[in-house]
């Protein structure tokens, strides 16, 4: 995954209101592979797509937290919370 982006989540799972850090945004035109790192040390693969300058769709594959709790694959909408687009917040779960 050399062209993937790294996403750091402030908790062991995603939920509305959860904060996320993204150092480099994907190109707006295409879905990009993502390596999602959670605060507890667990991780998952995913894909993200920049819908608008301040909106990002993130689909995360299923994974297990460090406490071995399974988390199903989910699709999320994130909104930028700063002008640099490094800090994001999960707005809601997408179908």
N, C-alpha and C. Protein backbone atom coordinates (compact mmCIF):
# COMPACT_ATOMS: atom_id res chain seq x y z
N UNK A 1 0.82 -1.19 0.00
CA UNK A 1 0.00 0.00 0.00
C UNK A 1 0.86 1.25 0.00
N UNK A 2 1.70 1.40 -0.93
CA UNK A 2 2.61 2.54 -0.94
C UNK A 2 1.89 3.86 -1.20
N UNK A 3 0.75 3.84 -1.88
CA UNK A 3 0.01 5.06 -2.17
C UNK A 3 -1.10 5.32 -1.15
N UNK A 4 -1.09 4.61 -0.04
CA UNK A 4 -2.15 4.77 0.94
C UNK A 4 -1.89 5.96 1.85
N UNK A 5 -2.95 6.44 2.47
CA UNK A 5 -2.81 7.51 3.45
C UNK A 5 -2.97 6.92 4.85
N UNK A 6 -2.41 7.61 5.83
CA UNK A 6 -2.48 7.16 7.21
C UNK A 6 -3.51 8.01 7.95
N UNK A 7 -4.41 7.32 8.65
CA UNK A 7 -5.47 7.98 9.41
C UNK A 7 -5.33 7.55 10.87
N UNK A 8 -5.25 8.51 11.77
CA UNK A 8 -5.11 8.22 13.20
C UNK A 8 -6.41 8.59 13.91
N UNK A 9 -6.98 7.59 14.60
CA UNK A 9 -8.25 7.76 15.30
C UNK A 9 -7.97 7.92 16.80
N UNK A 10 -8.67 8.83 17.46
CA UNK A 10 -8.43 9.15 18.87
C UNK A 10 -9.04 8.14 19.83
N UNK A 11 -9.60 7.06 19.34
CA UNK A 11 -10.22 6.04 20.20
C UNK A 11 -9.99 4.67 19.59
N UNK A 12 -10.56 3.62 20.20
CA UNK A 12 -10.37 2.26 19.69
C UNK A 12 -11.36 1.91 18.59
N UNK A 13 -12.29 2.82 18.29
CA UNK A 13 -13.27 2.61 17.23
C UNK A 13 -13.81 3.98 16.80
N UNK A 14 -14.48 4.00 15.67
CA UNK A 14 -15.09 5.23 15.16
C UNK A 14 -16.53 5.33 15.63
N UNK A 15 -17.01 6.54 15.84
CA UNK A 15 -18.38 6.82 16.25
C UNK A 15 -18.62 8.30 15.99
N UNK A 16 -19.88 8.74 15.88
CA UNK A 16 -20.14 10.17 15.68
C UNK A 16 -19.52 11.01 16.80
N UNK A 17 -18.77 12.02 16.40
CA UNK A 17 -18.09 12.90 17.34
C UNK A 17 -16.64 12.55 17.58
N UNK A 18 -16.22 11.37 17.19
CA UNK A 18 -14.84 10.93 17.37
C UNK A 18 -13.90 11.79 16.51
N UNK A 19 -12.72 12.11 17.04
CA UNK A 19 -11.75 12.91 16.29
C UNK A 19 -10.76 12.03 15.55
N UNK A 20 -10.32 12.54 14.41
CA UNK A 20 -9.44 11.81 13.50
C UNK A 20 -8.38 12.78 12.99
N UNK A 21 -7.15 12.31 12.83
CA UNK A 21 -6.05 13.12 12.26
C UNK A 21 -5.64 12.48 10.93
N UNK A 22 -5.49 13.32 9.91
CA UNK A 22 -5.04 12.87 8.60
C UNK A 22 -3.96 13.84 8.14
N UNK A 23 -2.74 13.34 7.98
CA UNK A 23 -1.62 14.22 7.61
C UNK A 23 -1.70 14.67 6.16
N UNK A 24 -2.09 13.78 5.26
CA UNK A 24 -2.15 14.10 3.83
C UNK A 24 -3.47 13.60 3.27
N UNK A 25 -4.21 14.50 2.66
CA UNK A 25 -5.50 14.14 2.08
C UNK A 25 -5.35 13.38 0.78
N UNK A 26 -6.35 12.54 0.44
CA UNK A 26 -6.33 11.88 -0.86
C UNK A 26 -6.67 12.86 -1.97
N UNK A 27 -6.38 12.46 -3.18
CA UNK A 27 -6.77 13.27 -4.34
C UNK A 27 -8.30 13.26 -4.42
N UNK A 28 -8.92 14.38 -4.78
CA UNK A 28 -10.38 14.46 -4.79
C UNK A 28 -11.05 13.53 -5.80
N UNK A 29 -10.39 13.18 -6.86
CA UNK A 29 -11.06 12.46 -7.95
C UNK A 29 -11.23 10.96 -7.72
N UNK A 30 -10.48 10.35 -6.81
CA UNK A 30 -10.52 8.89 -6.73
C UNK A 30 -10.49 8.40 -5.29
N UNK A 31 -10.97 7.17 -5.10
CA UNK A 31 -10.87 6.52 -3.79
C UNK A 31 -9.41 6.15 -3.55
N UNK A 32 -8.98 6.27 -2.32
CA UNK A 32 -7.59 6.02 -1.95
C UNK A 32 -7.55 4.99 -0.83
N UNK A 33 -6.59 4.08 -0.89
CA UNK A 33 -6.40 3.12 0.19
C UNK A 33 -5.96 3.87 1.45
N UNK A 34 -6.41 3.38 2.61
CA UNK A 34 -6.08 4.02 3.87
C UNK A 34 -5.65 2.97 4.89
N UNK A 35 -4.69 3.34 5.71
CA UNK A 35 -4.30 2.54 6.86
C UNK A 35 -4.83 3.29 8.08
N UNK A 36 -5.80 2.69 8.77
CA UNK A 36 -6.46 3.35 9.90
C UNK A 36 -5.85 2.81 11.18
N UNK A 37 -5.26 3.72 11.97
CA UNK A 37 -4.62 3.35 13.24
C UNK A 37 -5.47 3.88 14.38
N UNK A 38 -5.83 3.00 15.31
CA UNK A 38 -6.67 3.37 16.44
C UNK A 38 -5.80 3.60 17.68
N UNK A 39 -6.31 4.38 18.63
CA UNK A 39 -5.56 4.79 19.81
C UNK A 39 -5.11 3.62 20.68
N UNK A 40 -5.80 2.49 20.61
CA UNK A 40 -5.42 1.34 21.43
C UNK A 40 -4.34 0.48 20.78
N UNK A 41 -3.87 0.88 19.60
CA UNK A 41 -2.84 0.13 18.91
C UNK A 41 -3.36 -0.81 17.84
N UNK A 42 -4.67 -0.97 17.74
CA UNK A 42 -5.22 -1.81 16.69
C UNK A 42 -5.25 -1.03 15.38
N UNK A 43 -5.49 -1.72 14.29
CA UNK A 43 -5.52 -1.07 12.99
C UNK A 43 -6.41 -1.80 12.02
N UNK A 44 -6.73 -1.13 10.94
CA UNK A 44 -7.58 -1.71 9.90
C UNK A 44 -7.25 -1.06 8.57
N UNK A 45 -7.58 -1.76 7.52
CA UNK A 45 -7.46 -1.20 6.18
C UNK A 45 -8.79 -0.56 5.83
N UNK A 46 -8.74 0.38 4.91
CA UNK A 46 -9.95 1.03 4.47
C UNK A 46 -9.73 1.78 3.18
N UNK A 47 -10.74 2.50 2.77
CA UNK A 47 -10.64 3.38 1.61
C UNK A 47 -11.31 4.70 1.96
N UNK A 48 -10.81 5.77 1.37
CA UNK A 48 -11.43 7.07 1.62
C UNK A 48 -11.56 7.81 0.30
N UNK A 49 -12.50 8.73 0.31
CA UNK A 49 -12.80 9.51 -0.88
C UNK A 49 -13.18 10.92 -0.43
N UNK A 50 -12.53 11.91 -0.96
CA UNK A 50 -12.82 13.31 -0.64
C UNK A 50 -14.04 13.73 -1.46
N UNK A 51 -15.19 13.91 -0.81
CA UNK A 51 -16.44 14.28 -1.49
C UNK A 51 -16.48 15.77 -1.81
N UNK A 52 -15.98 16.57 -0.90
CA UNK A 52 -15.94 18.03 -1.02
C UNK A 52 -14.73 18.48 -0.22
N UNK A 53 -14.32 19.72 -0.32
CA UNK A 53 -13.12 20.14 0.42
C UNK A 53 -13.17 19.86 1.92
N UNK A 54 -14.37 19.88 2.52
CA UNK A 54 -14.50 19.65 3.96
C UNK A 54 -15.23 18.36 4.32
N UNK A 55 -15.46 17.47 3.34
CA UNK A 55 -16.17 16.21 3.59
C UNK A 55 -15.37 15.03 3.05
N UNK A 56 -15.24 14.00 3.88
CA UNK A 56 -14.49 12.81 3.51
C UNK A 56 -15.31 11.58 3.84
N UNK A 57 -15.44 10.67 2.87
CA UNK A 57 -16.07 9.38 3.12
C UNK A 57 -14.97 8.40 3.48
N UNK A 58 -15.19 7.62 4.53
CA UNK A 58 -14.21 6.63 4.97
C UNK A 58 -14.91 5.30 5.18
N UNK A 59 -14.48 4.29 4.45
CA UNK A 59 -14.97 2.92 4.63
C UNK A 59 -13.85 2.13 5.30
N UNK A 60 -14.16 1.54 6.45
CA UNK A 60 -13.16 0.80 7.22
C UNK A 60 -13.54 -0.67 7.25
N UNK A 61 -12.58 -1.54 6.91
CA UNK A 61 -12.80 -2.98 6.98
C UNK A 61 -12.98 -3.41 8.43
N UNK A 62 -13.56 -4.59 8.64
CA UNK A 62 -13.71 -5.13 9.98
C UNK A 62 -12.35 -5.38 10.63
N UNK A 63 -12.29 -5.29 11.93
CA UNK A 63 -11.05 -5.50 12.68
C UNK A 63 -11.40 -5.88 14.11
N UNK A 64 -10.41 -6.16 14.93
CA UNK A 64 -10.60 -6.42 16.35
C UNK A 64 -9.78 -5.41 17.14
N UNK A 65 -10.35 -4.87 18.22
CA UNK A 65 -9.62 -3.96 19.08
C UNK A 65 -8.55 -4.75 19.84
N UNK A 66 -7.69 -4.05 20.55
CA UNK A 66 -6.65 -4.73 21.33
C UNK A 66 -7.25 -5.62 22.40
N UNK A 67 -8.47 -5.31 22.87
CA UNK A 67 -9.15 -6.16 23.85
C UNK A 67 -9.94 -7.27 23.17
N UNK A 68 -9.69 -7.44 21.87
CA UNK A 68 -10.29 -8.50 21.05
C UNK A 68 -11.80 -8.35 20.83
N UNK A 69 -12.30 -7.13 20.91
CA UNK A 69 -13.70 -6.89 20.58
C UNK A 69 -13.81 -6.72 19.07
N UNK A 70 -14.64 -7.54 18.42
CA UNK A 70 -14.78 -7.40 16.96
C UNK A 70 -15.56 -6.14 16.59
N UNK A 71 -15.10 -5.48 15.55
CA UNK A 71 -15.79 -4.30 15.01
C UNK A 71 -16.06 -4.58 13.55
N UNK A 72 -17.33 -4.52 13.17
CA UNK A 72 -17.72 -4.79 11.79
C UNK A 72 -17.27 -3.69 10.84
N UNK A 73 -17.16 -4.02 9.58
CA UNK A 73 -16.85 -3.02 8.54
C UNK A 73 -17.94 -1.96 8.54
N UNK A 74 -17.52 -0.70 8.43
CA UNK A 74 -18.48 0.40 8.45
C UNK A 74 -18.03 1.50 7.51
N UNK A 75 -18.97 2.37 7.18
CA UNK A 75 -18.77 3.47 6.25
C UNK A 75 -19.16 4.76 6.98
N UNK A 76 -18.27 5.77 6.95
CA UNK A 76 -18.46 6.97 7.74
C UNK A 76 -18.33 8.25 6.91
N UNK A 77 -18.97 9.33 7.39
CA UNK A 77 -18.79 10.66 6.83
C UNK A 77 -18.02 11.48 7.86
N UNK A 78 -16.91 12.08 7.45
CA UNK A 78 -16.09 12.92 8.31
C UNK A 78 -16.12 14.36 7.81
N UNK A 79 -16.07 15.30 8.74
CA UNK A 79 -16.04 16.72 8.40
C UNK A 79 -14.76 17.33 8.95
N UNK A 80 -14.14 18.21 8.17
CA UNK A 80 -12.92 18.90 8.61
C UNK A 80 -13.27 19.86 9.75
N UNK A 81 -12.37 19.95 10.74
CA UNK A 81 -12.61 20.87 11.86
C UNK A 81 -11.60 22.00 11.90
N UNK A 82 -10.63 21.99 10.98
CA UNK A 82 -9.68 23.10 10.91
C UNK A 82 -9.35 23.41 9.45
N UNK A 83 -8.81 24.58 9.23
CA UNK A 83 -8.52 25.04 7.87
C UNK A 83 -7.40 24.25 7.20
N UNK A 84 -6.55 23.60 7.98
CA UNK A 84 -5.44 22.83 7.40
C UNK A 84 -5.89 21.46 6.91
N UNK A 85 -7.10 21.04 7.29
CA UNK A 85 -7.66 19.73 6.93
C UNK A 85 -6.81 18.58 7.49
N UNK A 86 -6.20 18.79 8.65
CA UNK A 86 -5.49 17.72 9.34
C UNK A 86 -6.37 17.11 10.43
N UNK A 87 -7.28 17.89 10.99
CA UNK A 87 -8.17 17.43 12.04
C UNK A 87 -9.58 17.26 11.47
N UNK A 88 -10.19 16.11 11.79
CA UNK A 88 -11.51 15.77 11.29
C UNK A 88 -12.35 15.25 12.44
N UNK A 89 -13.65 15.27 12.27
CA UNK A 89 -14.56 14.70 13.25
C UNK A 89 -15.58 13.84 12.49
N UNK A 90 -15.90 12.69 13.07
CA UNK A 90 -16.89 11.81 12.45
C UNK A 90 -18.26 12.46 12.61
N UNK A 91 -18.91 12.70 11.50
CA UNK A 91 -20.26 13.31 11.50
C UNK A 91 -21.32 12.26 11.72
N UNK A 92 -21.29 11.20 10.89
CA UNK A 92 -22.32 10.15 11.02
C UNK A 92 -21.89 8.91 10.25
N UNK A 93 -22.59 7.86 10.53
CA UNK A 93 -22.38 6.60 9.81
C UNK A 93 -23.19 6.64 8.52
N UNK A 94 -22.59 6.16 7.44
CA UNK A 94 -23.28 6.11 6.14
C UNK A 94 -23.78 4.68 5.89
N UNK A 95 -24.81 4.56 5.08
CA UNK A 95 -25.33 3.21 4.77
C UNK A 95 -24.36 2.39 3.95
